[in-house]
């Protein structure tokens, strides 16, 4: 892992999805290949996997998405998820009981 990261920063460092030049295309391909690998590992489709900066950012995004669902800002199945009252963002416990 460390060797791959070092190789990226030394030889292919470019913004992902931000250019048409050679390095940007290589960086984007590497990024999307990693997404496919992780998606297969966790058993989801590539477009169902969202990268975040860290666990807190991911949990905050998830909580925000579920809060939108609870006020009708999201559609369909999203409405059946809710955070339990008093849940800390670092350790949520989800109520997935159908409503």
N, C-alpha and C. Protein backbone atom coordinates (compact mmCIF):
# COMPACT_ATOMS: atom_id res chain seq x y z
N UNK A 1 0.82 -1.18 0.00
CA UNK A 1 0.00 0.00 0.00
C UNK A 1 0.87 1.25 0.00
N UNK A 2 1.84 1.30 0.88
CA UNK A 2 2.69 2.49 0.96
C UNK A 2 3.47 2.69 -0.33
N UNK A 3 3.92 1.59 -0.93
CA UNK A 3 4.66 1.71 -2.18
C UNK A 3 3.76 2.26 -3.29
N UNK A 4 2.52 1.82 -3.34
CA UNK A 4 1.59 2.31 -4.35
C UNK A 4 1.30 3.79 -4.15
N UNK A 5 1.15 4.20 -2.90
CA UNK A 5 0.91 5.62 -2.62
C UNK A 5 2.12 6.46 -2.99
N UNK A 6 3.32 5.98 -2.66
CA UNK A 6 4.54 6.70 -3.01
C UNK A 6 4.67 6.81 -4.53
N UNK A 7 4.42 5.72 -5.24
CA UNK A 7 4.50 5.73 -6.71
C UNK A 7 3.52 6.73 -7.30
N UNK A 8 2.31 6.79 -6.74
CA UNK A 8 1.32 7.74 -7.23
C UNK A 8 1.83 9.16 -7.08
N UNK A 9 2.30 9.52 -5.89
CA UNK A 9 2.74 10.89 -5.65
C UNK A 9 3.99 11.26 -6.44
N UNK A 10 4.84 10.29 -6.72
CA UNK A 10 6.06 10.57 -7.47
C UNK A 10 5.86 10.59 -8.98
N UNK A 11 4.90 9.78 -9.49
CA UNK A 11 4.81 9.62 -10.93
C UNK A 11 3.45 9.95 -11.55
N UNK A 12 2.36 9.88 -10.79
CA UNK A 12 1.04 10.07 -11.39
C UNK A 12 0.19 11.09 -10.64
N UNK A 13 0.78 11.92 -9.84
CA UNK A 13 0.03 12.85 -9.01
C UNK A 13 -0.68 13.89 -9.86
N UNK A 14 -1.98 13.85 -9.86
CA UNK A 14 -2.80 14.81 -10.59
C UNK A 14 -4.20 14.80 -10.00
N UNK A 15 -4.95 15.83 -10.29
CA UNK A 15 -6.33 15.90 -9.82
C UNK A 15 -7.19 14.87 -10.55
N UNK A 16 -8.01 14.17 -9.80
CA UNK A 16 -8.90 13.15 -10.35
C UNK A 16 -10.14 13.82 -10.93
N UNK A 17 -10.55 13.38 -12.12
CA UNK A 17 -11.74 13.91 -12.80
C UNK A 17 -11.64 15.41 -13.06
N UNK A 18 -10.42 15.95 -13.21
CA UNK A 18 -10.26 17.40 -13.37
C UNK A 18 -9.47 17.79 -14.61
N UNK A 19 -9.18 16.87 -15.50
CA UNK A 19 -8.42 17.27 -16.67
C UNK A 19 -8.41 16.19 -17.73
N UNK A 20 -7.95 16.57 -18.93
CA UNK A 20 -7.87 15.63 -20.04
C UNK A 20 -6.43 15.28 -20.37
N UNK A 21 -5.48 15.86 -19.63
CA UNK A 21 -4.07 15.56 -19.90
C UNK A 21 -3.71 14.17 -19.36
N UNK A 22 -2.57 13.68 -19.81
CA UNK A 22 -2.15 12.30 -19.54
C UNK A 22 -2.17 11.96 -18.04
N UNK A 23 -1.58 12.80 -17.20
CA UNK A 23 -1.53 12.50 -15.77
C UNK A 23 -2.92 12.48 -15.14
N UNK A 24 -3.79 13.38 -15.56
CA UNK A 24 -5.15 13.40 -15.01
C UNK A 24 -5.91 12.13 -15.39
N UNK A 25 -5.73 11.68 -16.62
CA UNK A 25 -6.39 10.45 -17.06
C UNK A 25 -5.87 9.25 -16.27
N UNK A 26 -4.54 9.17 -16.07
CA UNK A 26 -3.97 8.07 -15.29
C UNK A 26 -4.46 8.10 -13.84
N UNK A 27 -4.48 9.30 -13.25
CA UNK A 27 -4.94 9.42 -11.86
C UNK A 27 -6.41 9.02 -11.74
N UNK A 28 -7.22 9.44 -12.69
CA UNK A 28 -8.64 9.09 -12.68
C UNK A 28 -8.83 7.59 -12.85
N UNK A 29 -8.08 6.99 -13.76
CA UNK A 29 -8.17 5.53 -13.94
C UNK A 29 -7.78 4.78 -12.67
N UNK A 30 -6.71 5.21 -12.01
CA UNK A 30 -6.27 4.57 -10.77
C UNK A 30 -7.33 4.73 -9.68
N UNK A 31 -7.90 5.91 -9.59
CA UNK A 31 -8.94 6.20 -8.60
C UNK A 31 -10.16 5.31 -8.82
N UNK A 32 -10.61 5.21 -10.06
CA UNK A 32 -11.79 4.41 -10.37
C UNK A 32 -11.51 2.91 -10.25
N UNK A 33 -10.27 2.49 -10.56
CA UNK A 33 -9.90 1.09 -10.34
C UNK A 33 -9.96 0.74 -8.86
N UNK A 34 -9.48 1.66 -8.01
CA UNK A 34 -9.56 1.44 -6.56
C UNK A 34 -11.01 1.37 -6.11
N UNK A 35 -11.85 2.25 -6.65
CA UNK A 35 -13.28 2.22 -6.30
C UNK A 35 -13.88 0.86 -6.66
N UNK A 36 -13.57 0.34 -7.84
CA UNK A 36 -14.10 -0.96 -8.27
C UNK A 36 -13.63 -2.08 -7.36
N UNK A 37 -12.36 -2.04 -6.98
CA UNK A 37 -11.80 -3.07 -6.11
C UNK A 37 -12.49 -3.07 -4.75
N UNK A 38 -12.64 -1.90 -4.15
CA UNK A 38 -13.29 -1.80 -2.84
C UNK A 38 -14.77 -2.16 -2.95
N UNK A 39 -15.43 -1.72 -4.01
CA UNK A 39 -16.85 -2.04 -4.19
C UNK A 39 -17.06 -3.55 -4.27
N UNK A 40 -16.22 -4.23 -5.03
CA UNK A 40 -16.32 -5.69 -5.11
C UNK A 40 -16.10 -6.32 -3.74
N UNK A 41 -15.12 -5.79 -2.99
CA UNK A 41 -14.79 -6.33 -1.68
C UNK A 41 -15.97 -6.22 -0.71
N UNK A 42 -16.68 -5.11 -0.73
CA UNK A 42 -17.81 -4.93 0.20
C UNK A 42 -19.15 -5.34 -0.41
N UNK A 43 -19.14 -5.76 -1.67
CA UNK A 43 -20.35 -6.30 -2.29
C UNK A 43 -21.36 -5.28 -2.76
N UNK A 44 -20.89 -4.16 -3.29
CA UNK A 44 -21.79 -3.14 -3.82
C UNK A 44 -21.37 -2.78 -5.24
N UNK A 45 -22.21 -2.03 -5.92
CA UNK A 45 -21.88 -1.52 -7.24
C UNK A 45 -20.92 -0.34 -7.10
N UNK A 46 -20.12 -0.09 -8.13
CA UNK A 46 -19.15 1.01 -8.09
C UNK A 46 -19.80 2.34 -7.74
N UNK A 47 -20.98 2.60 -8.31
CA UNK A 47 -21.62 3.90 -8.09
C UNK A 47 -22.33 4.00 -6.74
N UNK A 48 -22.26 2.94 -5.94
CA UNK A 48 -22.83 2.98 -4.59
C UNK A 48 -21.77 3.27 -3.53
N UNK A 49 -20.52 3.42 -3.95
CA UNK A 49 -19.41 3.65 -3.03
C UNK A 49 -19.01 5.11 -3.08
N UNK A 50 -19.00 5.75 -1.91
CA UNK A 50 -18.64 7.17 -1.82
C UNK A 50 -17.38 7.29 -0.98
N UNK A 51 -16.36 7.95 -1.53
CA UNK A 51 -15.14 8.22 -0.77
C UNK A 51 -15.35 9.45 0.09
N UNK A 52 -14.87 9.41 1.31
CA UNK A 52 -14.88 10.58 2.19
C UNK A 52 -13.48 10.75 2.76
N UNK A 53 -13.22 11.91 3.35
CA UNK A 53 -11.89 12.21 3.88
C UNK A 53 -11.54 11.33 5.07
N UNK A 54 -12.53 10.96 5.87
CA UNK A 54 -12.28 10.15 7.07
C UNK A 54 -13.61 9.62 7.59
N UNK A 55 -13.54 8.86 8.67
CA UNK A 55 -14.76 8.25 9.22
C UNK A 55 -15.77 9.29 9.69
N UNK A 56 -15.28 10.35 10.34
CA UNK A 56 -16.20 11.38 10.82
C UNK A 56 -16.93 12.04 9.67
N UNK A 57 -16.22 12.37 8.60
CA UNK A 57 -16.86 12.98 7.43
C UNK A 57 -17.89 12.02 6.83
N UNK A 58 -17.57 10.74 6.78
CA UNK A 58 -18.51 9.76 6.26
C UNK A 58 -19.76 9.63 7.11
N UNK A 59 -19.57 9.57 8.43
CA UNK A 59 -20.73 9.47 9.32
C UNK A 59 -21.57 10.74 9.29
N UNK A 60 -20.91 11.90 9.19
CA UNK A 60 -21.66 13.15 9.09
C UNK A 60 -22.49 13.19 7.81
N UNK A 61 -21.91 12.74 6.69
CA UNK A 61 -22.64 12.70 5.43
C UNK A 61 -23.83 11.75 5.54
N UNK A 62 -23.61 10.61 6.15
CA UNK A 62 -24.68 9.64 6.33
C UNK A 62 -25.80 10.20 7.22
N UNK A 63 -25.42 10.82 8.33
CA UNK A 63 -26.42 11.40 9.23
C UNK A 63 -27.20 12.51 8.54
N UNK A 64 -26.50 13.36 7.78
CA UNK A 64 -27.17 14.43 7.05
C UNK A 64 -28.15 13.86 6.03
N UNK A 65 -27.73 12.81 5.33
CA UNK A 65 -28.61 12.18 4.34
C UNK A 65 -29.85 11.60 5.00
N UNK A 66 -29.67 10.94 6.14
CA UNK A 66 -30.81 10.36 6.84
C UNK A 66 -31.71 11.44 7.43
N UNK A 67 -31.11 12.56 7.86
CA UNK A 67 -31.96 13.64 8.38
C UNK A 67 -32.82 14.22 7.26
N UNK A 68 -32.26 14.30 6.05
CA UNK A 68 -33.07 14.73 4.90
C UNK A 68 -34.22 13.76 4.66
N UNK A 69 -33.94 12.48 4.81
CA UNK A 69 -34.98 11.47 4.60
C UNK A 69 -36.10 11.63 5.62
N UNK A 70 -35.74 11.99 6.85
CA UNK A 70 -36.75 12.08 7.90
C UNK A 70 -37.67 13.29 7.73
N UNK A 71 -37.27 14.28 6.94
CA UNK A 71 -38.14 15.44 6.69
C UNK A 71 -38.71 15.42 5.28
N UNK A 72 -38.57 14.28 4.60
CA UNK A 72 -39.15 14.14 3.28
C UNK A 72 -38.33 14.68 2.14
N UNK A 73 -37.05 15.00 2.39
CA UNK A 73 -36.20 15.54 1.33
C UNK A 73 -35.53 14.45 0.50
N UNK A 74 -35.70 13.20 0.89
CA UNK A 74 -35.14 12.08 0.14
C UNK A 74 -36.30 11.17 -0.23
N UNK A 75 -36.10 10.34 -1.20
CA UNK A 75 -37.21 9.54 -1.67
C UNK A 75 -37.14 8.09 -1.29
N UNK A 76 -38.23 7.43 -1.52
CA UNK A 76 -38.33 5.98 -1.44
C UNK A 76 -37.87 5.36 -0.13
N UNK A 77 -36.98 4.40 -0.25
CA UNK A 77 -36.52 3.60 0.87
C UNK A 77 -35.76 4.39 1.92
N UNK A 78 -35.25 5.58 1.59
CA UNK A 78 -34.47 6.35 2.55
C UNK A 78 -35.28 6.69 3.79
N UNK A 79 -36.58 6.78 3.68
CA UNK A 79 -37.43 7.15 4.80
C UNK A 79 -37.47 6.14 5.93
N UNK A 80 -37.01 4.93 5.72
CA UNK A 80 -37.09 3.91 6.77
C UNK A 80 -35.89 3.92 7.71
N UNK A 81 -34.91 4.80 7.49
CA UNK A 81 -33.74 4.88 8.35
C UNK A 81 -33.84 6.11 9.24
N UNK A 82 -33.42 5.97 10.48
CA UNK A 82 -33.42 7.12 11.39
C UNK A 82 -32.35 6.94 12.45
N UNK A 83 -31.74 8.03 12.88
CA UNK A 83 -30.81 7.99 14.00
C UNK A 83 -31.61 7.90 15.29
N UNK A 84 -31.13 7.11 16.23
CA UNK A 84 -31.78 7.06 17.54
C UNK A 84 -31.45 8.35 18.29
N UNK A 85 -32.37 8.87 19.08
CA UNK A 85 -32.11 10.11 19.83
C UNK A 85 -30.87 9.98 20.71
N UNK A 86 -30.08 11.04 20.79
CA UNK A 86 -28.90 11.07 21.64
C UNK A 86 -27.70 10.34 21.08
N UNK A 87 -27.74 9.93 19.83
CA UNK A 87 -26.63 9.20 19.23
C UNK A 87 -25.48 10.15 18.95
N UNK A 88 -24.28 9.75 19.37
CA UNK A 88 -23.08 10.53 19.04
C UNK A 88 -22.70 10.23 17.60
N UNK A 89 -22.18 11.24 16.90
CA UNK A 89 -21.84 11.02 15.49
C UNK A 89 -20.71 10.03 15.32
N UNK A 90 -19.91 9.80 16.38
CA UNK A 90 -18.80 8.86 16.26
C UNK A 90 -19.23 7.41 16.41
N UNK A 91 -20.44 7.17 16.90
CA UNK A 91 -20.88 5.79 17.09
C UNK A 91 -22.38 5.65 16.91
N UNK A 92 -22.90 5.92 15.72
CA UNK A 92 -24.35 5.83 15.53
C UNK A 92 -24.86 4.40 15.59
N UNK A 93 -26.08 4.26 16.05
CA UNK A 93 -26.79 2.99 15.99
C UNK A 93 -28.05 3.27 15.20
N UNK A 94 -28.21 2.57 14.09
CA UNK A 94 -29.28 2.90 13.15
C UNK A 94 -30.52 2.09 13.44
N UNK A 95 -31.66 2.75 13.38
CA UNK A 95 -32.95 2.09 13.48
C UNK A 95 -33.40 1.82 12.05
N UNK A 96 -33.35 0.56 11.64
CA UNK A 96 -33.72 0.23 10.26
C UNK A 96 -35.06 -0.48 10.20
N UNK A 97 -35.87 -0.29 11.22
CA UNK A 97 -37.20 -0.87 11.23
C UNK A 97 -38.09 -0.16 10.22
N UNK A 98 -38.78 -0.90 9.36
CA UNK A 98 -39.67 -0.24 8.39
C UNK A 98 -40.71 0.62 9.09
N UNK A 99 -41.00 1.78 8.49
CA UNK A 99 -41.99 2.69 9.08
C UNK A 99 -43.32 2.55 8.41
